[in-house]
C-alpha cells in the first residue's frame, strides 16, 4: 500500500484518479467547431469522438433555439429533467443549465439567438 503522501501516478493510491479529474476540470477545449451564417444564426458541428467530459453542464447568457440539421441519436437534457432525443427545435432560456449527451455520429445544430 502506498504512503498517504505518495505523489506517484501508478501505485493505486488514488493520486492518479485525482490528477485525471483535475485535468478534466481544467480542460477548456470545445467539442465543436462553428460557422456563423449571420449575426443571429450559427451552425455548430459536434464531434462524437471527443471525450465525454467536454460535454459539460452549462448555461447561456441569452435565450437560444437549437435545431438539428440531420437525424441524430444525440440527446439534450435540462437540469432536473430526463434527457430527450434531439429531433425538433428546442428553446433554451437564458440562465437555465443544460447539456448535450453524445450520440454515435457527428451532430450539426443550427443555433439561433
Protein backbone atom coordinates (compact mmCIF):
# COMPACT_ATOMS: atom_id res chain seq x y z
CA UNK A 1 0.00 0.00 0.00
CA UNK A 2 1.26 3.46 -0.88
CA UNK A 3 2.10 6.05 1.72
CA UNK A 4 -0.51 8.77 2.30
CA UNK A 5 1.84 11.45 0.94
CA UNK A 6 2.61 9.49 -2.26
CA UNK A 7 2.73 11.67 -5.41
CA UNK A 8 3.04 8.88 -7.95
CA UNK A 9 0.53 8.13 -10.70
CA UNK A 10 0.85 4.34 -10.80
CA UNK A 11 0.75 2.84 -7.32
CA UNK A 12 -3.03 2.84 -6.92
CA UNK A 13 -3.02 5.26 -4.00
CA UNK A 14 -5.71 7.45 -5.55
CA UNK A 15 -3.42 10.26 -6.68
CA UNK A 16 -3.78 9.15 -10.31
CA UNK A 17 -7.59 9.45 -10.20
CA UNK A 18 -7.40 12.85 -8.52
CA UNK A 19 -4.96 14.07 -11.18
CA UNK A 20 -7.22 12.82 -14.01
CA UNK A 21 -10.24 14.58 -12.53
CA UNK A 22 -8.28 17.84 -12.14
CA UNK A 23 -7.07 17.61 -15.75
CA UNK A 24 -10.67 17.14 -16.96
CA UNK A 25 -11.89 20.12 -14.94
CA UNK A 26 -9.15 22.32 -16.37
CA UNK A 27 -9.69 21.12 -19.96
CA UNK A 28 -11.21 24.11 -21.75
CA UNK A 29 -11.33 22.56 -25.23
CA UNK A 30 -14.63 22.94 -27.04
CA UNK A 31 -16.19 19.78 -28.53
CA UNK A 32 -17.38 21.66 -31.61
CA UNK A 33 -16.48 24.00 -34.41
CA UNK A 34 -18.87 26.65 -35.62
CA UNK A 35 -19.75 28.71 -38.63
CA UNK A 36 -21.74 31.96 -38.39
CA UNK A 37 -24.43 32.34 -41.04
CA UNK A 38 -25.47 35.83 -39.91
CA UNK A 39 -25.45 37.88 -36.71
CA UNK A 40 -28.11 35.67 -35.10
CA UNK A 41 -27.54 32.19 -36.51
CA UNK A 42 -24.65 29.79 -36.45
CA UNK A 43 -24.07 26.14 -37.22
CA UNK A 44 -22.19 24.08 -34.66
CA UNK A 45 -20.59 20.81 -35.64
CA UNK A 46 -20.11 18.46 -32.68
CA UNK A 47 -17.59 15.64 -32.83
CA UNK A 48 -18.85 12.38 -31.30
CA UNK A 49 -15.27 11.18 -30.73
CA UNK A 50 -14.47 13.98 -28.26
CA UNK A 51 -14.13 12.90 -24.61
CA UNK A 52 -17.34 12.84 -22.57
CA UNK A 53 -16.03 15.33 -20.02
CA UNK A 54 -16.11 18.12 -22.64
CA UNK A 55 -19.91 17.95 -22.80
CA UNK A 56 -20.34 19.92 -19.59
CA UNK A 57 -23.40 21.26 -17.85
CA UNK A 58 -23.58 24.96 -18.62
CA UNK A 59 -25.95 27.89 -19.11
CA UNK A 60 -26.07 30.61 -21.72
CA UNK A 61 -26.40 34.36 -21.25
CA UNK A 62 -29.21 34.72 -23.78
CA UNK A 63 -32.19 32.73 -25.00
CA UNK A 64 -31.48 30.47 -27.94
CA UNK A 65 -33.17 27.90 -30.15
CA UNK A 66 -31.33 24.81 -31.34
CA UNK A 67 -32.42 22.67 -34.25
CA UNK A 68 -30.77 19.52 -35.62
CA UNK A 69 -29.82 19.63 -39.28
CA UNK A 70 -29.84 15.84 -39.69
CA UNK A 71 -31.31 12.81 -37.95
CA UNK A 72 -29.33 12.05 -34.82
CA UNK A 73 -29.22 9.86 -31.76
CA UNK A 74 -27.78 12.65 -29.59
CA UNK A 75 -29.83 13.80 -26.61
CA UNK A 76 -30.47 17.10 -24.86
CA UNK A 77 -31.01 17.50 -21.12
CA UNK A 78 -32.21 20.38 -18.97
CA UNK A 79 -31.23 20.38 -15.30
CA UNK A 80 -33.63 18.27 -13.20
CA UNK A 81 -35.20 16.69 -16.30
CA UNK A 82 -34.69 13.46 -18.18
CA UNK A 83 -32.73 13.56 -21.46
CA UNK A 84 -34.77 13.85 -24.66
CA UNK A 85 -33.83 12.99 -28.25
CA UNK A 86 -32.85 15.97 -30.38
CA UNK A 87 -35.50 15.75 -33.09
CA UNK A 88 -37.11 19.18 -33.31
CA UNK A 89 -36.39 22.72 -32.21
CA UNK A 90 -35.56 23.20 -28.54
CA UNK A 91 -35.89 26.57 -26.81
CA UNK A 92 -33.18 27.11 -24.22
CA UNK A 93 -33.98 30.04 -21.91
CA UNK A 94 -31.03 32.10 -20.71
CA UNK A 95 -29.62 31.07 -17.36
CA UNK A 96 -31.04 27.51 -17.49
CA UNK A 97 -28.48 24.72 -17.04
CA UNK A 98 -28.38 22.12 -19.80
CA UNK A 99 -26.08 19.74 -21.66
CA UNK A 100 -25.74 17.53 -24.72
CA UNK A 101 -25.36 13.78 -24.45
CA UNK A 102 -23.24 12.30 -27.21
CA UNK A 103 -24.58 10.02 -29.88
CA UNK A 104 -22.78 7.65 -32.22
CA UNK A 105 -22.18 10.04 -35.12
CA UNK A 106 -21.36 13.73 -35.58
CA UNK A 107 -24.07 16.29 -34.77
CA UNK A 108 -24.84 19.52 -36.65
CA UNK A 109 -27.07 22.06 -34.93
CA UNK A 110 -28.44 25.38 -36.12
CA UNK A 111 -28.40 27.80 -33.19
CA UNK A 112 -30.42 30.99 -33.31
CA UNK A 113 -30.13 33.70 -30.67
